[in-house]
Amino acid sequence: MIGPNLRMQPVLFYLKNNSLFDGISKEELSLITEQFQRVTYRKGETVFKEGDAGQSMFLLVSGQAGVVKDFFGGERNLGMLQPGEYFGEMSLLSGNNRSATVQAHTDLACYTINHPDFMALVGKIPMMKFLNSLTAIAAKIHVCHS
């Protein structure tokens, strides 16, 4: 059986190298990784659809996922997600519905964190409070420009 520390190494590696988590200490990153849960998706499976309620973000650790958005009744390809990239953070942070659809182009392995676990971290880690404040400002700007 793989121990919890070894199991979370991919999450810790990607978080340490991700600009979203700049300024957070190694000890704080370890605390964050404990809140992530591993999920997998098969090729062709939809991770989430545009318009779905979103209460979690994902960190892709293996595979590729496509991102598409509905534009005037047709789908527009927005890109391909690669290992190390995160997605779903806009809904996690803002509480808004999903802004695009994400579908597995290959088998995927991801780690996910839900909104309640994320908010618990905001109360414990000063940099997470700052991130949450920036998100609130970004959400207000989004509303003003909608």
Protein backbone atom coordinates (compact mmCIF):
# COMPACT_ATOMS: atom_id res chain seq x y z
CA MET A 1 0.00 0.00 0.00
CA ILE A 2 1.25 3.49 -0.88
CA GLY A 3 1.52 5.78 2.13
CA PRO A 4 -0.29 9.13 2.14
CA ASN A 5 2.91 11.16 1.79
CA LEU A 6 4.04 9.23 -1.31
CA ARG A 7 0.53 9.31 -2.79
CA MET A 8 0.44 13.12 -2.55
CA GLN A 9 3.90 13.73 -4.08
CA PRO A 10 2.48 14.57 -7.56
CA VAL A 11 0.17 17.17 -6.01
CA LEU A 12 2.96 18.72 -3.95
CA PHE A 13 5.27 18.81 -7.00
CA TYR A 14 2.68 20.56 -9.20
CA LEU A 15 1.55 23.00 -6.50
CA LYS A 16 5.16 24.04 -5.79
CA ASN A 17 5.61 24.83 -9.48
CA ASN A 18 2.30 26.61 -9.98
CA SER A 19 1.98 30.41 -9.92
CA LEU A 20 -1.43 30.15 -8.21
CA PHE A 21 0.40 29.01 -5.06
CA ASP A 22 3.39 31.39 -5.16
CA GLY A 23 4.34 32.70 -1.74
CA ILE A 24 3.05 29.68 0.15
CA SER A 25 5.59 27.84 2.30
CA LYS A 26 6.46 24.15 1.88
CA GLU A 27 4.71 23.37 5.20
CA GLU A 28 1.58 25.21 4.04
CA LEU A 29 1.69 23.41 0.69
CA SER A 30 1.82 20.10 2.56
CA LEU A 31 -1.29 21.14 4.49
CA ILE A 32 -3.01 22.04 1.21
CA THR A 33 -2.15 18.71 -0.44
CA GLU A 34 -3.88 16.83 2.38
CA GLN A 35 -7.18 18.32 1.22
CA PHE A 36 -6.93 17.00 -2.36
CA GLN A 37 -8.63 13.75 -3.41
CA ARG A 38 -7.58 11.61 -6.39
CA VAL A 39 -10.14 11.13 -9.17
CA THR A 40 -9.87 9.43 -12.54
CA TYR A 41 -11.77 9.75 -15.82
CA ARG A 42 -11.81 7.48 -18.86
CA LYS A 43 -11.10 8.69 -22.37
CA GLY A 44 -14.23 10.45 -23.70
CA GLU A 45 -15.72 11.02 -20.26
CA THR A 46 -16.90 14.54 -19.39
CA VAL A 47 -15.30 15.99 -16.25
CA PHE A 48 -17.87 18.80 -16.14
CA LYS A 49 -20.10 20.71 -18.52
CA GLU A 50 -20.39 24.42 -19.17
CA GLY A 51 -23.16 25.80 -16.97
CA ASP A 52 -22.84 23.10 -14.28
CA ALA A 53 -22.64 24.27 -10.69
CA GLY A 54 -18.97 24.22 -9.71
CA GLN A 55 -17.67 23.68 -6.22
CA SER A 56 -14.23 22.21 -6.90
CA MET A 57 -11.01 22.67 -8.83
CA PHE A 58 -8.85 20.03 -10.44
CA LEU A 59 -5.11 19.50 -10.85
CA LEU A 60 -4.30 17.32 -13.85
CA VAL A 61 -1.44 14.90 -13.15
CA SER A 62 -1.68 12.57 -16.15
CA GLY A 63 -3.48 12.55 -19.48
CA GLN A 64 -4.93 15.29 -21.66
CA ALA A 65 -8.28 17.04 -21.48
CA GLY A 66 -9.97 19.30 -24.00
CA VAL A 67 -11.73 22.53 -23.09
CA VAL A 68 -14.69 23.64 -25.20
CA LYS A 69 -17.16 26.50 -24.92
CA ASP A 70 -20.57 27.01 -26.46
CA PHE A 71 -20.52 29.98 -28.85
CA PHE A 72 -23.83 30.89 -30.48
CA GLY A 73 -25.01 27.28 -30.58
CA GLY A 74 -21.71 25.78 -31.75
CA GLU A 75 -18.73 24.51 -29.80
CA ARG A 76 -15.40 26.30 -29.90
CA ASN A 77 -12.22 24.49 -28.88
CA LEU A 78 -10.37 26.58 -26.29
CA GLY A 79 -7.37 24.32 -25.89
CA MET A 80 -5.89 21.20 -24.42
CA LEU A 81 -4.98 20.76 -20.75
CA GLN A 82 -1.70 19.00 -19.96
CA PRO A 83 -0.30 17.47 -16.76
CA GLY A 84 0.53 20.15 -14.22
CA GLU A 85 -2.31 22.44 -15.27
CA TYR A 86 -5.29 23.19 -13.07
CA PHE A 87 -8.86 23.89 -14.10
CA GLY A 88 -12.19 24.64 -12.47
CA GLU A 89 -10.59 27.24 -10.21
CA MET A 90 -12.86 30.04 -11.43
CA SER A 91 -15.96 28.24 -10.16
CA LEU A 92 -14.26 27.15 -6.95
CA LEU A 93 -13.20 30.69 -6.13
CA SER A 94 -16.18 32.67 -7.45
CA GLY A 95 -19.07 30.26 -6.87
CA ASN A 96 -20.20 30.84 -10.48
CA ASN A 97 -21.27 28.02 -12.78
CA ARG A 98 -18.68 26.34 -14.99
CA SER A 99 -17.63 28.60 -17.86
CA ALA A 100 -16.59 25.77 -20.22
CA THR A 101 -16.82 22.02 -20.71
CA VAL A 102 -13.82 19.79 -19.93
CA GLN A 103 -13.65 16.34 -21.50
CA ALA A 104 -11.01 13.61 -21.21
CA HIS A 105 -9.13 13.13 -24.49
CA THR A 106 -7.14 10.32 -22.86
CA ASP A 107 -7.54 8.55 -19.53
CA LEU A 108 -7.04 11.19 -16.83
CA ALA A 109 -5.75 11.22 -13.29
CA CYS A 110 -6.55 14.39 -11.36
CA TYR A 111 -6.55 15.65 -7.82
CA THR A 112 -9.49 17.76 -6.74
CA ILE A 113 -10.31 20.03 -3.83
CA ASN A 114 -13.85 21.12 -2.97
CA HIS A 115 -15.03 24.53 -1.85
CA PRO A 116 -15.54 23.74 1.88
CA ASP A 117 -12.03 22.25 2.16
CA PHE A 118 -10.56 25.18 0.25
CA MET A 119 -12.32 27.70 2.51
CA ALA A 120 -11.04 25.86 5.60
CA LEU A 121 -7.53 26.44 4.25
CA VAL A 122 -8.27 30.14 3.71
CA GLY A 123 -8.79 30.40 7.46
CA LYS A 124 -5.43 28.73 8.22
CA ILE A 125 -3.01 30.05 5.60
CA PRO A 126 -2.43 33.82 5.23
CA MET A 127 -1.57 33.63 1.49
CA MET A 128 -4.83 31.75 0.86
CA LYS A 129 -6.71 34.66 2.43
CA PHE A 130 -4.98 36.97 -0.03
CA LEU A 131 -5.89 34.67 -2.93
CA ASN A 132 -9.50 34.62 -1.76
CA SER A 133 -9.53 38.45 -1.62
CA LEU A 134 -8.20 38.69 -5.16
CA THR A 135 -10.92 36.31 -6.27
CA ALA A 136 -13.63 38.45 -4.72
CA ILE A 137 -12.29 41.48 -6.58
CA ALA A 138 -12.09 39.53 -9.86
CA ALA A 139 -15.70 38.34 -9.42
CA LYS A 140 -16.88 41.94 -8.96
CA ILE A 141 -15.01 43.00 -12.11
CA HIS A 142 -16.58 40.09 -14.02
CA VAL A 143 -20.09 41.13 -12.91
CA CYS A 144 -19.42 44.74 -13.97
CA HIS A 145 -18.34 43.62 -17.45
CA SER A 146 -21.11 41.07 -18.00
